[in-house]
Each structure stands twice: as C-alpha cells, then as structure tokens.
Amino acid sequence: SVYEYSHWCMHLPMTRRRLVERWMVAFRFLN
C-alpha cells in the first residue's frame, strides 16, 4: 500500500504536500 501511494505521490506531486510527503522522513530520498 505504501508502494502504491508513494509511487503515486512521486509522479503526481501537489502544491500542498500530502501526509506521506510531510511525515515520511525518507520521501525526498526515495523520490
């Protein structure tokens, strides 16, 4: 589930960051 949601957020960024982008410490690295 994290795979699907993170992958979605990577390819479809929003101007207002989503929860995974704010709280997932490693999101920038994984992106």
All heavy atoms as atom14 arrays in JSON, in Angstrom:
{
  "sequence": "SVYEYSHWCMHLPMTRRRLVERWMVAFRFLN",
  "atom14_mask": [
    [1, 1, 1, 1, 1, 1, 0, 0, 0, 0, 0, 0, 0, 0],
    [1, 1, 1, 1, 1, 1, 1, 0, 0, 0, 0, 0, 0, 0],
    [1, 1, 1, 1, 1, 1, 1, 1, 1, 1, 1, 1, 0, 0],
    [1, 1, 1, 1, 1, 1, 1, 1, 1, 0, 0, 0, 0, 0],
    [1, 1, 1, 1, 1, 1, 1, 1, 1, 1, 1, 1, 0, 0],
    [1, 1, 1, 1, 1, 1, 0, 0, 0, 0, 0, 0, 0, 0],
    [1, 1, 1, 1, 1, 1, 1, 1, 1, 1, 0, 0, 0, 0],
    [1, 1, 1, 1, 1, 1, 1, 1, 1, 1, 1, 1, 1, 1],
    [1, 1, 1, 1, 1, 1, 0, 0, 0, 0, 0, 0, 0, 0],
    [1, 1, 1, 1, 1, 1, 1, 1, 0, 0, 0, 0, 0, 0],
    [1, 1, 1, 1, 1, 1, 1, 1, 1, 1, 0, 0, 0, 0],
    [1, 1, 1, 1, 1, 1, 1, 1, 0, 0, 0, 0, 0, 0],
    [1, 1, 1, 1, 1, 1, 1, 0, 0, 0, 0, 0, 0, 0],
    [1, 1, 1, 1, 1, 1, 1, 1, 0, 0, 0, 0, 0, 0],
    [1, 1, 1, 1, 1, 1, 1, 0, 0, 0, 0, 0, 0, 0],
    [1, 1, 1, 1, 1, 1, 1, 1, 1, 1, 1, 0, 0, 0],
    [1, 1, 1, 1, 1, 1, 1, 1, 1, 1, 1, 0, 0, 0],
    [1, 1, 1, 1, 1, 1, 1, 1, 1, 1, 1, 0, 0, 0],
    [1, 1, 1, 1, 1, 1, 1, 1, 0, 0, 0, 0, 0, 0],
    [1, 1, 1, 1, 1, 1, 1, 0, 0, 0, 0, 0, 0, 0],
    [1, 1, 1, 1, 1, 1, 1, 1, 1, 0, 0, 0, 0, 0],
    [1, 1, 1, 1, 1, 1, 1, 1, 1, 1, 1, 0, 0, 0],
    [1, 1, 1, 1, 1, 1, 1, 1, 1, 1, 1, 1, 1, 1],
    [1, 1, 1, 1, 1, 1, 1, 1, 0, 0, 0, 0, 0, 0],
    [1, 1, 1, 1, 1, 1, 1, 0, 0, 0, 0, 0, 0, 0],
    [1, 1, 1, 1, 1, 0, 0, 0, 0, 0, 0, 0, 0, 0],
    [1, 1, 1, 1, 1, 1, 1, 1, 1, 1, 1, 0, 0, 0],
    [1, 1, 1, 1, 1, 1, 1, 1, 1, 1, 1, 0, 0, 0],
    [1, 1, 1, 1, 1, 1, 1, 1, 1, 1, 1, 0, 0, 0],
    [1, 1, 1, 1, 1, 1, 1, 1, 0, 0, 0, 0, 0, 0],
    [1, 1, 1, 1, 1, 1, 1, 1, 0, 0, 0, 0, 0, 0]
  ],
  "atom14_positions": [
    [[0.84, -1.2, 0.0], [0.0, 0.0, 0.0], [0.88, 1.25, 0.0], [0.6, 2.22, -0.71], [-0.93, 0.01, 1.22], [-1.84, -1.06, 1.15], [0.0, 0.0, 0.0], [0.0, 0.0, 0.0], [0.0, 0.0, 0.0], [0.0, 0.0, 0.0], [0.0, 0.0, 0.0], [0.0, 0.0, 0.0], [0.0, 0.0, 0.0], [0.0, 0.0, 0.0]],
    [[1.95, 1.22, 0.8], [2.9, 2.33, 0.82], [3.57, 2.46, -0.55], [3.77, 3.58, -1.04], [3.95, 2.14, 1.95], [5.1, 3.14, 1.82], [3.29, 2.26, 3.32], [0.0, 0.0, 0.0], [0.0, 0.0, 0.0], [0.0, 0.0, 0.0], [0.0, 0.0, 0.0], [0.0, 0.0, 0.0], [0.0, 0.0, 0.0], [0.0, 0.0, 0.0]],
    [[3.89, 1.34, -1.17], [4.46, 1.36, -2.52], [3.54, 2.11, -3.47], [3.96, 3.04, -4.15], [4.66, -0.09, -3.02], [5.08, -0.19, -4.47], [6.4, -0.43, -4.81], [4.16, -0.04, -5.52], [6.8, -0.51, -6.14], [4.55, -0.12, -6.84], [5.87, -0.35, -7.14], [6.25, -0.42, -8.45], [0.0, 0.0, 0.0], [0.0, 0.0, 0.0]],
    [[2.28, 1.71, -3.52], [1.34, 2.33, -4.46], [1.16, 3.82, -4.19], [1.19, 4.63, -5.11], [-0.03, 1.63, -4.37], [-0.15, 0.41, -5.23], [-0.06, 0.73, -6.71], [-1.02, 1.28, -7.29], [0.99, 0.42, -7.31], [0.0, 0.0, 0.0], [0.0, 0.0, 0.0], [0.0, 0.0, 0.0], [0.0, 0.0, 0.0], [0.0, 0.0, 0.0]],
    [[0.95, 4.17, -2.92], [0.67, 5.56, -2.58], [1.91, 6.44, -2.78], [1.81, 7.54, -3.34], [0.14, 5.68, -1.15], [-0.31, 7.07, -0.83], [-1.37, 7.66, -1.52], [0.32, 7.82, 0.16], [-1.79, 8.95, -1.24], [-0.1, 9.11, 0.44], [-1.14, 9.67, -0.25], [-1.54, 10.95, 0.02], [0.0, 0.0, 0.0], [0.0, 0.0, 0.0]],
    [[3.07, 5.96, -2.35], [4.31, 6.74, -2.53], [4.6, 6.95, -4.01], [4.96, 8.04, -4.43], [5.49, 6.03, -1.87], [5.31, 5.91, -0.5], [0.0, 0.0, 0.0], [0.0, 0.0, 0.0], [0.0, 0.0, 0.0], [0.0, 0.0, 0.0], [0.0, 0.0, 0.0], [0.0, 0.0, 0.0], [0.0, 0.0, 0.0], [0.0, 0.0, 0.0]],
    [[4.45, 5.88, -4.79], [4.71, 5.96, -6.22], [3.76, 6.97, -6.88], [4.16, 7.75, -7.74], [4.57, 4.56, -6.84], [5.02, 4.48, -8.24], [4.17, 4.2, -9.28], [6.25, 4.65, -8.81], [4.84, 4.19, -10.41], [6.11, 4.46, -10.16], [0.0, 0.0, 0.0], [0.0, 0.0, 0.0], [0.0, 0.0, 0.0], [0.0, 0.0, 0.0]],
    [[2.51, 6.96, -6.46], [1.52, 7.92, -6.95], [1.97, 9.35, -6.63], [1.96, 10.23, -7.48], [0.16, 7.61, -6.32], [-0.92, 8.58, -6.69], [-1.34, 9.65, -5.95], [-1.74, 8.57, -7.86], [-2.36, 10.3, -6.6], [-2.62, 9.65, -7.77], [-1.8, 7.74, -8.98], [-3.57, 9.94, -8.76], [-2.73, 8.02, -9.96], [-3.6, 9.11, -9.84]],
    [[2.38, 9.57, -5.38], [2.81, 10.91, -4.95], [4.07, 11.37, -5.67], [4.24, 12.56, -5.95], [3.04, 10.94, -3.44], [1.53, 10.75, -2.47], [0.0, 0.0, 0.0], [0.0, 0.0, 0.0], [0.0, 0.0, 0.0], [0.0, 0.0, 0.0], [0.0, 0.0, 0.0], [0.0, 0.0, 0.0], [0.0, 0.0, 0.0], [0.0, 0.0, 0.0]],
    [[4.96, 10.45, -5.99], [6.19, 10.8, -6.71], [5.89, 11.33, -8.1], [6.48, 12.32, -8.54], [7.11, 9.58, -6.81], [7.73, 9.18, -5.5], [8.57, 7.59, -5.68], [9.04, 7.3, -3.98], [0.0, 0.0, 0.0], [0.0, 0.0, 0.0], [0.0, 0.0, 0.0], [0.0, 0.0, 0.0], [0.0, 0.0, 0.0], [0.0, 0.0, 0.0]],
    [[4.97, 10.67, -8.79], [4.69, 11.05, -10.17], [3.59, 12.11, -10.29], [3.43, 12.71, -11.35], [4.3, 9.82, -11.0], [5.46, 8.94, -11.31], [6.5, 9.34, -12.13], [5.76, 7.69, -10.9], [7.37, 8.36, -12.21], [6.96, 7.34, -11.46], [0.0, 0.0, 0.0], [0.0, 0.0, 0.0], [0.0, 0.0, 0.0], [0.0, 0.0, 0.0]],
    [[2.85, 12.35, -9.23], [1.77, 13.33, -9.27], [1.86, 14.24, -8.05], [1.05, 14.17, -7.13], [0.41, 12.61, -9.31], [-0.77, 13.47, -9.7], [-0.68, 13.92, -11.14], [-2.06, 12.69, -9.49], [0.0, 0.0, 0.0], [0.0, 0.0, 0.0], [0.0, 0.0, 0.0], [0.0, 0.0, 0.0], [0.0, 0.0, 0.0], [0.0, 0.0, 0.0]],
    [[2.9, 15.09, -8.0], [3.06, 15.96, -6.83], [1.96, 17.02, -6.76], [1.37, 17.38, -7.78], [4.43, 16.61, -7.05], [4.62, 16.58, -8.52], [3.9, 15.36, -9.02], [0.0, 0.0, 0.0], [0.0, 0.0, 0.0], [0.0, 0.0, 0.0], [0.0, 0.0, 0.0], [0.0, 0.0, 0.0], [0.0, 0.0, 0.0], [0.0, 0.0, 0.0]],
    [[1.69, 17.47, -5.54], [0.69, 18.54, -5.33], [1.41, 19.75, -4.77], [2.48, 19.62, -4.16], [-0.37, 18.08, -4.33], [-1.24, 16.95, -4.85], [-2.45, 16.42, -3.63], [-3.49, 17.87, -3.49], [0.0, 0.0, 0.0], [0.0, 0.0, 0.0], [0.0, 0.0, 0.0], [0.0, 0.0, 0.0], [0.0, 0.0, 0.0], [0.0, 0.0, 0.0]],
    [[0.81, 20.92, -4.96], [1.4, 22.12, -4.38], [1.31, 22.08, -2.86], [2.2, 22.54, -2.17], [0.72, 23.39, -4.92], [-0.68, 23.26, -4.75], [1.05, 23.6, -6.37], [0.0, 0.0, 0.0], [0.0, 0.0, 0.0], [0.0, 0.0, 0.0], [0.0, 0.0, 0.0], [0.0, 0.0, 0.0], [0.0, 0.0, 0.0], [0.0, 0.0, 0.0]],
    [[0.22, 21.51, -2.34], [0.09, 21.3, -0.9], [0.51, 19.88, -0.59], [-0.1, 18.93, -1.07], [-1.37, 21.48, -0.47], [-1.56, 22.5, 0.57], [-2.98, 22.62, 0.95], [-3.55, 21.29, 1.19], [-4.8, 21.08, 1.5], [-5.63, 22.05, 1.59], [-5.24, 19.86, 1.7], [0.0, 0.0, 0.0], [0.0, 0.0, 0.0], [0.0, 0.0, 0.0]],
    [[1.57, 19.72, 0.17], [2.11, 18.38, 0.39], [1.12, 17.45, 1.09], [0.42, 17.85, 2.0], [3.4, 18.46, 1.19], [4.54, 18.99, 0.35], [5.84, 18.85, 1.05], [5.94, 19.91, 2.06], [6.79, 19.87, 3.07], [7.6, 18.87, 3.22], [6.83, 20.85, 3.93], [0.0, 0.0, 0.0], [0.0, 0.0, 0.0], [0.0, 0.0, 0.0]],
    [[1.11, 16.2, 0.65], [0.27, 15.17, 1.25], [0.94, 14.64, 2.52], [2.11, 14.9, 2.77], [0.09, 14.01, 0.27], [-0.54, 14.41, -1.05], [-0.52, 13.18, -1.95], [-0.98, 13.47, -3.28], [-0.2, 13.72, -4.32], [1.1, 13.71, -4.2], [-0.72, 13.98, -5.5], [0.0, 0.0, 0.0], [0.0, 0.0, 0.0], [0.0, 0.0, 0.0]],
    [[0.2, 13.85, 3.25], [0.7, 13.29, 4.51], [2.01, 12.53, 4.31], [2.96, 12.72, 5.06], [-0.37, 12.37, 5.13], [-0.02, 11.76, 6.48], [0.15, 12.86, 7.51], [-1.09, 10.79, 6.92], [0.0, 0.0, 0.0], [0.0, 0.0, 0.0], [0.0, 0.0, 0.0], [0.0, 0.0, 0.0], [0.0, 0.0, 0.0], [0.0, 0.0, 0.0]],
    [[2.06, 11.67, 3.3], [3.27, 10.88, 3.09], [4.47, 11.79, 2.8], [5.59, 11.51, 3.21], [3.09, 9.83, 1.97], [2.98, 10.46, 0.61], [4.21, 8.81, 1.98], [0.0, 0.0, 0.0], [0.0, 0.0, 0.0], [0.0, 0.0, 0.0], [0.0, 0.0, 0.0], [0.0, 0.0, 0.0], [0.0, 0.0, 0.0], [0.0, 0.0, 0.0]],
    [[4.24, 12.89, 2.13], [5.33, 13.82, 1.82], [5.76, 14.61, 3.04], [6.91, 15.0, 3.16], [4.9, 14.76, 0.7], [4.67, 14.04, -0.62], [3.89, 14.86, -1.62], [2.98, 15.61, -1.21], [4.18, 14.75, -2.81], [0.0, 0.0, 0.0], [0.0, 0.0, 0.0], [0.0, 0.0, 0.0], [0.0, 0.0, 0.0], [0.0, 0.0, 0.0]],
    [[4.85, 14.83, 3.97], [5.18, 15.59, 5.18], [5.78, 14.73, 6.28], [6.67, 15.15, 6.98], [3.94, 16.29, 5.73], [3.56, 17.53, 4.95], [2.37, 18.18, 5.57], [1.21, 17.36, 5.23], [0.02, 17.5, 5.75], [-0.18, 18.4, 6.67], [-0.98, 16.74, 5.37], [0.0, 0.0, 0.0], [0.0, 0.0, 0.0], [0.0, 0.0, 0.0]],
    [[5.25, 13.52, 6.44], [5.63, 12.69, 7.58], [6.61, 11.59, 7.24], [7.3, 11.09, 8.11], [4.38, 12.09, 8.23], [3.51, 13.16, 8.79], [2.35, 13.63, 8.26], [3.75, 13.94, 9.96], [1.84, 14.64, 9.04], [2.68, 14.85, 10.09], [4.75, 13.95, 10.91], [2.59, 15.75, 11.13], [4.67, 14.85, 11.95], [3.6, 15.74, 12.06]],
    [[6.67, 11.18, 6.02], [7.61, 10.13, 5.66], [8.98, 10.77, 5.48], [9.26, 11.41, 4.46], [7.16, 9.44, 4.38], [7.91, 8.2, 4.05], [7.1, 7.43, 2.62], [8.3, 6.2, 2.25], [0.0, 0.0, 0.0], [0.0, 0.0, 0.0], [0.0, 0.0, 0.0], [0.0, 0.0, 0.0], [0.0, 0.0, 0.0], [0.0, 0.0, 0.0]],
    [[9.82, 10.62, 6.49], [11.12, 11.29, 6.53], [11.93, 10.99, 5.27], [12.62, 11.87, 4.74], [11.91, 10.84, 7.79], [13.3, 11.42, 7.81], [11.14, 11.2, 9.05], [0.0, 0.0, 0.0], [0.0, 0.0, 0.0], [0.0, 0.0, 0.0], [0.0, 0.0, 0.0], [0.0, 0.0, 0.0], [0.0, 0.0, 0.0], [0.0, 0.0, 0.0]],
    [[11.82, 9.81, 4.75], [12.64, 9.39, 3.62], [12.02, 9.7, 2.27], [12.59, 9.33, 1.24], [12.88, 7.89, 3.74], [0.0, 0.0, 0.0], [0.0, 0.0, 0.0], [0.0, 0.0, 0.0], [0.0, 0.0, 0.0], [0.0, 0.0, 0.0], [0.0, 0.0, 0.0], [0.0, 0.0, 0.0], [0.0, 0.0, 0.0], [0.0, 0.0, 0.0]],
    [[10.86, 10.38, 2.22], [10.19, 10.56, 0.93], [11.08, 11.25, -0.1], [11.14, 10.81, -1.26], [8.87, 11.33, 1.08], [8.14, 11.48, -0.22], [7.35, 10.45, -0.7], [8.24, 12.63, -0.99], [6.68, 10.56, -1.92], [7.58, 12.76, -2.2], [6.8, 11.71, -2.65], [0.0, 0.0, 0.0], [0.0, 0.0, 0.0], [0.0, 0.0, 0.0]],
    [[11.76, 12.32, 0.29], [12.63, 13.03, -0.67], [13.73, 12.11, -1.2], [14.0, 12.07, -2.38], [13.27, 14.27, -0.04], [12.37, 15.48, -0.04], [13.02, 16.69, 0.64], [14.35, 17.02, 0.14], [14.59, 17.78, -0.92], [13.61, 18.31, -1.59], [15.83, 18.04, -1.3], [0.0, 0.0, 0.0], [0.0, 0.0, 0.0], [0.0, 0.0, 0.0]],
    [[14.34, 11.35, -0.29], [15.37, 10.4, -0.72], [14.8, 9.37, -1.69], [15.37, 9.09, -2.74], [16.0, 9.69, 0.48], [16.84, 8.5, 0.09], [18.11, 8.69, -0.45], [16.34, 7.21, 0.21], [18.87, 7.59, -0.84], [17.1, 6.12, -0.19], [18.37, 6.31, -0.71], [0.0, 0.0, 0.0], [0.0, 0.0, 0.0], [0.0, 0.0, 0.0]],
    [[13.65, 8.79, -1.33], [13.03, 7.77, -2.18], [12.58, 8.34, -3.52], [12.65, 7.66, -4.54], [11.85, 7.11, -1.46], [12.23, 6.25, -0.26], [10.99, 5.75, 0.45], [13.13, 5.09, -0.66], [0.0, 0.0, 0.0], [0.0, 0.0, 0.0], [0.0, 0.0, 0.0], [0.0, 0.0, 0.0], [0.0, 0.0, 0.0], [0.0, 0.0, 0.0]],
    [[12.15, 9.58, -3.52], [11.77, 10.24, -4.78], [12.99, 10.37, -5.7], [12.93, 10.07, -6.88], [11.14, 11.6, -4.49], [10.3, 12.11, -5.64], [10.02, 11.41, -6.6], [9.88, 13.35, -5.53], [0.0, 0.0, 0.0], [0.0, 0.0, 0.0], [0.0, 0.0, 0.0], [0.0, 0.0, 0.0], [0.0, 0.0, 0.0], [0.0, 0.0, 0.0]]
  ]
}
